PDB file of N, CA and C in Angstrom:
ATOM      1  N   UNK A   1      26.303 -11.238  55.348  1.00  0.00           N
ATOM      2  CA  UNK A   1      25.265 -11.305  54.097  1.00  0.00           C
ATOM      3  C   UNK A   1      23.988 -11.008  54.254  1.00  0.00           C
ATOM      4  N   UNK A   2      23.686  -9.184  53.950  1.00  0.00           N
ATOM      5  CA  UNK A   2      22.103  -9.373  54.405  1.00  0.00           C
ATOM      6  C   UNK A   2      21.572  -9.270  52.808  1.00  0.00           C
ATOM      7  N   UNK A   3      20.604 -10.394  52.760  1.00  0.00           N
ATOM      8  CA  UNK A   3      19.458 -10.488  51.265  1.00  0.00           C
ATOM      9  C   UNK A   3      17.982  -9.098  51.651  1.00  0.00           C
ATOM     10  N   UNK A   4      18.107  -8.942  50.096  1.00  0.00           N
ATOM     11  CA  UNK A   4      17.469  -7.884  50.390  1.00  0.00           C
ATOM     12  C   UNK A   4      16.233  -8.356  49.980  1.00  0.00           C
ATOM     13  N   UNK A   5      15.244  -7.916  50.966  1.00  0.00           N
ATOM     14  CA  UNK A   5      13.559  -8.943  50.634  1.00  0.00           C
ATOM     15  C   UNK A   5      12.961  -7.450  49.836  1.00  0.00           C
ATOM     16  N   UNK A   6      12.625  -8.267  48.456  1.00  0.00           N
ATOM     17  CA  UNK A   6      11.060  -7.395  47.884  1.00  0.00           C
ATOM     18  C   UNK A   6       9.811  -7.473  47.716  1.00  0.00           C
ATOM     19  N   UNK A   7       8.755  -6.647  47.887  1.00  0.00           N
ATOM     20  CA  UNK A   7       7.756  -6.918  48.415  1.00  0.00           C
ATOM     21  C   UNK A   7       6.743  -7.706  47.410  1.00  0.00           C
ATOM     22  N   UNK A   8       6.014  -8.593  47.997  1.00  0.00           N
ATOM     23  CA  UNK A   8       5.523  -9.407  46.892  1.00  0.00           C
ATOM     24  C   UNK A   8       4.799  -8.895  45.783  1.00  0.00           C
ATOM     25  N   UNK A   9       4.219  -7.410  45.926  1.00  0.00           N
ATOM     26  CA  UNK A   9       3.302  -7.389  45.049  1.00  0.00           C
ATOM     27  C   UNK A   9       3.865  -5.689  45.478  1.00  0.00           C
ATOM     28  N   UNK A  10       3.882  -5.304  44.283  1.00  0.00           N
ATOM     29  CA  UNK A  10       4.101  -4.329  43.840  1.00  0.00           C
ATOM     30  C   UNK A  10       3.101  -3.344  44.031  1.00  0.00           C
ATOM     31  N   UNK A  11       3.817  -1.864  45.384  1.00  0.00           N
ATOM     32  CA  UNK A  11       2.628  -0.774  45.446  1.00  0.00           C
ATOM     33  C   UNK A  11       2.554  -0.204  44.188  1.00  0.00           C
ATOM     34  N   UNK A  12       2.845  -0.190  43.039  1.00  0.00           N
ATOM     35  CA  UNK A  12       3.003   0.955  42.009  1.00  0.00           C
ATOM     36  C   UNK A  12       1.549   1.093  41.625  1.00  0.00           C
ATOM     37  N   UNK A  13       0.443   1.994  41.092  1.00  0.00           N
ATOM     38  CA  UNK A  13      -0.389   2.024  40.723  1.00  0.00           C
ATOM     39  C   UNK A  13      -2.007   1.092  41.471  1.00  0.00           C
ATOM     40  N   UNK A  14      -1.329   0.206  42.311  1.00  0.00           N
ATOM     41  CA  UNK A  14      -2.160  -0.449  43.080  1.00  0.00           C
ATOM     42  C   UNK A  14      -2.783  -0.340  44.074  1.00  0.00           C
ATOM     43  N   UNK A  15      -2.657   1.293  44.391  1.00  0.00           N
ATOM     44  CA  UNK A  15      -2.778   1.714  45.490  1.00  0.00           C
ATOM     45  C   UNK A  15      -4.809   2.036  45.684  1.00  0.00           C
ATOM     46  N   UNK A  16      -4.847   2.325  44.516  1.00  0.00           N
ATOM     47  CA  UNK A  16      -6.201   2.716  44.358  1.00  0.00           C
ATOM     48  C   UNK A  16      -6.954   2.092  43.467  1.00  0.00           C
ATOM     49  N   UNK A  17      -6.124   1.192  43.160  1.00  0.00           N
ATOM     50  CA  UNK A  17      -7.541   0.300  41.406  1.00  0.00           C
ATOM     51  C   UNK A  17      -7.702  -0.722  42.777  1.00  0.00           C
ATOM     52  N   UNK A  18      -9.148  -0.887  42.227  1.00  0.00           N
ATOM     53  CA  UNK A  18      -9.936  -2.358  42.854  1.00  0.00           C
ATOM     54  C   UNK A  18      -9.321  -3.537  42.581  1.00  0.00           C
ATOM     55  N   UNK A  19      -9.410  -4.608  42.793  1.00  0.00           N
ATOM     56  CA  UNK A  19      -9.102  -6.014  42.122  1.00  0.00           C
ATOM     57  C   UNK A  19     -10.185  -6.736  41.032  1.00  0.00           C
ATOM     58  N   UNK A  20      -9.693  -7.059  40.001  1.00  0.00           N
ATOM     59  CA  UNK A  20     -10.432  -7.343  38.869  1.00  0.00           C
ATOM     60  C   UNK A  20     -10.995  -8.641  39.131  1.00  0.00           C
ATOM     61  N   UNK A  21     -12.648  -8.245  39.000  1.00  0.00           N
ATOM     62  CA  UNK A  21     -12.711 -10.357  40.144  1.00  0.00           C
ATOM     63  C   UNK A  21     -13.691 -10.627  38.136  1.00  0.00           C
ATOM     64  N   UNK A  22     -12.670 -10.502  37.543  1.00  0.00           N
ATOM     65  CA  UNK A  22     -12.984 -11.351  35.752  1.00  0.00           C
ATOM     66  C   UNK A  22     -14.554 -10.804  35.564  1.00  0.00           C
ATOM     67  N   UNK A  23     -15.193 -10.165  35.669  1.00  0.00           N
ATOM     68  CA  UNK A  23     -17.186  -9.960  35.178  1.00  0.00           C
ATOM     69  C   UNK A  23     -17.204  -9.350  34.313  1.00  0.00           C
ATOM     70  N   UNK A  24     -17.392  -9.466  33.349  1.00  0.00           N
ATOM     71  CA  UNK A  24     -17.555  -9.054  31.791  1.00  0.00           C
ATOM     72  C   UNK A  24     -18.750  -7.949  31.904  1.00  0.00           C
ATOM     73  N   UNK A  25     -18.454  -6.971  31.093  1.00  0.00           N
ATOM     74  CA  UNK A  25     -20.323  -5.717  31.202  1.00  0.00           C
ATOM     75  C   UNK A  25     -21.182  -6.348  30.788  1.00  0.00           C
ATOM     76  N   UNK A  26     -20.296  -6.442  29.696  1.00  0.00           N
ATOM     77  CA  UNK A  26     -21.235  -6.602  27.890  1.00  0.00           C
ATOM     78  C   UNK A  26     -22.219  -7.642  29.099  1.00  0.00           C
ATOM     79  N   UNK A  27     -21.541  -9.026  29.193  1.00  0.00           N
ATOM     80  CA  UNK A  27     -21.948  -9.968  29.371  1.00  0.00           C
ATOM     81  C   UNK A  27     -23.839  -9.590  30.616  1.00  0.00           C
ATOM     82  N   UNK A  28     -22.645  -8.780  31.289  1.00  0.00           N
ATOM     83  CA  UNK A  28     -23.947  -8.855  32.084  1.00  0.00           C
ATOM     84  C   UNK A  28     -24.888  -7.927  31.673  1.00  0.00           C
ATOM     85  N   UNK A  29     -24.934  -7.074  31.563  1.00  0.00           N
ATOM     86  CA  UNK A  29     -26.080  -6.898  30.312  1.00  0.00           C
ATOM     87  C   UNK A  29     -27.297  -6.916  29.489  1.00  0.00           C
ATOM     88  N   UNK A  30     -26.179  -7.982  28.581  1.00  0.00           N
ATOM     89  CA  UNK A  30     -27.136  -8.890  27.384  1.00  0.00           C
ATOM     90  C   UNK A  30     -27.780  -9.501  28.805  1.00  0.00           C
ATOM     91  N   UNK A  31     -27.321 -10.401  30.158  1.00  0.00           N
ATOM     92  CA  UNK A  31     -28.389 -11.322  30.487  1.00  0.00           C
ATOM     93  C   UNK A  31     -29.940 -10.315  31.165  1.00  0.00           C
ATOM     94  N   UNK A  32     -28.937  -9.197  31.273  1.00  0.00           N
ATOM     95  CA  UNK A  32     -29.992  -8.405  32.230  1.00  0.00           C
ATOM     96  C   UNK A  32     -31.100  -7.747  31.338  1.00  0.00           C
ATOM     97  N   UNK A  33     -30.923  -7.954  29.831  1.00  0.00           N
ATOM     98  CA  UNK A  33     -31.936  -7.382  28.815  1.00  0.00           C
ATOM     99  C   UNK A  33     -32.618  -8.258  28.388  1.00  0.00           C
ATOM    100  N   UNK A  34     -31.922  -9.746  28.441  1.00  0.00           N
ATOM    101  CA  UNK A  34     -32.640 -11.037  28.132  1.00  0.00           C
ATOM    102  C   UNK A  34     -33.817 -11.099  29.190  1.00  0.00           C
ATOM    103  N   UNK A  35     -33.267 -11.533  30.566  1.00  0.00           N
ATOM    104  CA  UNK A  35     -34.336 -11.204  31.299  1.00  0.00           C
ATOM    105  C   UNK A  35     -35.260 -10.258  31.338  1.00  0.00           C
ATOM    106  N   UNK A  36     -35.146  -9.275  30.986  1.00  0.00           N
ATOM    107  CA  UNK A  36     -36.324  -8.409  31.234  1.00  0.00           C
ATOM    108  C   UNK A  36     -37.217  -8.350  29.747  1.00  0.00           C
ATOM    109  N   UNK A  37     -36.882  -8.670  28.677  1.00  0.00           N
ATOM    110  CA  UNK A  37     -37.495  -9.177  27.758  1.00  0.00           C
ATOM    111  C   UNK A  37     -38.415 -10.057  27.854  1.00  0.00           C
ATOM    112  N   UNK A  38     -37.962 -11.236  28.621  1.00  0.00           N
ATOM    113  CA  UNK A  38     -38.493 -12.733  29.093  1.00  0.00           C
ATOM    114  C   UNK A  38     -39.645 -11.938  29.805  1.00  0.00           C
ATOM    115  N   UNK A  39     -39.431 -11.164  30.816  1.00  0.00           N
ATOM    116  CA  UNK A  39     -40.408 -11.325  31.834  1.00  0.00           C
ATOM    117  C   UNK A  39     -41.660 -10.420  30.696  1.00  0.00           C
ATOM    118  N   UNK A  40     -41.211  -9.383  30.186  1.00  0.00           N
ATOM    119  CA  UNK A  40     -42.227  -8.506  29.400  1.00  0.00           C
ATOM    120  C   UNK A  40     -42.916  -9.608  28.685  1.00  0.00           C
ATOM    121  N   UNK A  41     -42.300 -10.199  27.927  1.00  0.00           N
ATOM    122  CA  UNK A  41     -43.577 -11.619  27.574  1.00  0.00           C
ATOM    123  C   UNK A  41     -43.900 -12.086  27.756  1.00  0.00           C
ATOM    124  N   UNK A  42     -44.061 -12.512  29.410  1.00  0.00           N
ATOM    125  CA  UNK A  42     -44.271 -13.474  30.320  1.00  0.00           C
ATOM    126  C   UNK A  42     -46.042 -12.462  30.279  1.00  0.00           C
ATOM    127  N   UNK A  43     -45.490 -11.205  30.979  1.00  0.00           N
ATOM    128  CA  UNK A  43     -46.767 -10.088  31.342  1.00  0.00           C
ATOM    129  C   UNK A  43     -47.837 -10.444  29.986  1.00  0.00           C
ATOM    130  N   UNK A  44     -47.452 -10.024  29.052  1.00  0.00           N
ATOM    131  CA  UNK A  44     -47.807  -9.768  28.159  1.00  0.00           C
ATOM    132  C   UNK A  44     -48.869 -10.656  27.561  1.00  0.00           C
ATOM    133  N   UNK A  45     -47.773 -12.005  27.837  1.00  0.00           N
ATOM    134  CA  UNK A  45     -48.796 -13.446  27.467  1.00  0.00           C
ATOM    135  C   UNK A  45     -50.337 -13.230  28.538  1.00  0.00           C
ATOM    136  N   UNK A  46     -49.740 -13.063  29.848  1.00  0.00           N
ATOM    137  CA  UNK A  46     -50.924 -12.986  31.154  1.00  0.00           C
ATOM    138  C   UNK A  46     -51.659 -12.191  30.501  1.00  0.00           C
ATOM    139  N   UNK A  47     -51.898 -10.771  30.099  1.00  0.00           N
ATOM    140  CA  UNK A  47     -52.594  -9.834  30.032  1.00  0.00           C
ATOM    141  C   UNK A  47     -53.246 -10.183  29.109  1.00  0.00           C
ATOM    142  N   UNK A  48     -53.000 -11.199  27.587  1.00  0.00           N
ATOM    143  CA  UNK A  48     -53.924 -11.358  26.618  1.00  0.00           C
ATOM    144  C   UNK A  48     -54.705 -12.664  26.949  1.00  0.00           C
ATOM    145  N   UNK A  49     -53.973 -13.477  27.550  1.00  0.00           N
ATOM    146  CA  UNK A  49     -54.882 -14.856  28.195  1.00  0.00           C
ATOM    147  C   UNK A  49     -56.300 -14.519  29.195  1.00  0.00           C
ATOM    148  N   UNK A  50     -55.778 -12.795  29.920  1.00  0.00           N
ATOM    149  CA  UNK A  50     -56.943 -12.756  30.738  1.00  0.00           C
ATOM    150  C   UNK A  50     -58.390 -12.301  29.462  1.00  0.00           C
ATOM    151  N   UNK A  51     -57.501 -11.386  28.755  1.00  0.00           N
ATOM    152  CA  UNK A  51     -58.350 -10.581  27.695  1.00  0.00           C
ATOM    153  C   UNK A  51     -59.590 -11.715  26.671  1.00  0.00           C
ATOM    154  N   UNK A  52     -58.843 -12.861  26.498  1.00  0.00           N
ATOM    155  CA  UNK A  52     -59.653 -13.763  25.639  1.00  0.00           C
ATOM    156  C   UNK A  52     -60.492 -14.800  26.762  1.00  0.00           C
ATOM    157  N   UNK A  53     -60.382 -14.807  27.755  1.00  0.00           N
ATOM    158  CA  UNK A  53     -61.402 -15.580  28.865  1.00  0.00           C
ATOM    159  C   UNK A  53     -62.376 -14.401  29.457  1.00  0.00           C
ATOM    160  N   UNK A  54     -62.299 -13.329  29.261  1.00  0.00           N
ATOM    161  CA  UNK A  54     -63.626 -12.269  29.270  1.00  0.00           C
ATOM    162  C   UNK A  54     -64.267 -12.139  28.056  1.00  0.00           C
ATOM    163  N   UNK A  55     -64.331 -12.643  26.937  1.00  0.00           N
ATOM    164  CA  UNK A  55     -64.587 -12.577  25.948  1.00  0.00           C
ATOM    165  C   UNK A  55     -65.664 -14.046  25.335  1.00  0.00           C
TER     166      UNK A  55
END
């Protein structure tokens, strides 16, 4: 008696799909915007500090 072997992974709709990594797009966008705002605050404080020292 021959047993039928089922494939471990279904090939239906997975042929062109990328693997899901679990990365959250909204979280990465928030982190990028937070980093950008912190760096701009830091650069702004450096420029204002230089202006104060000149006067």
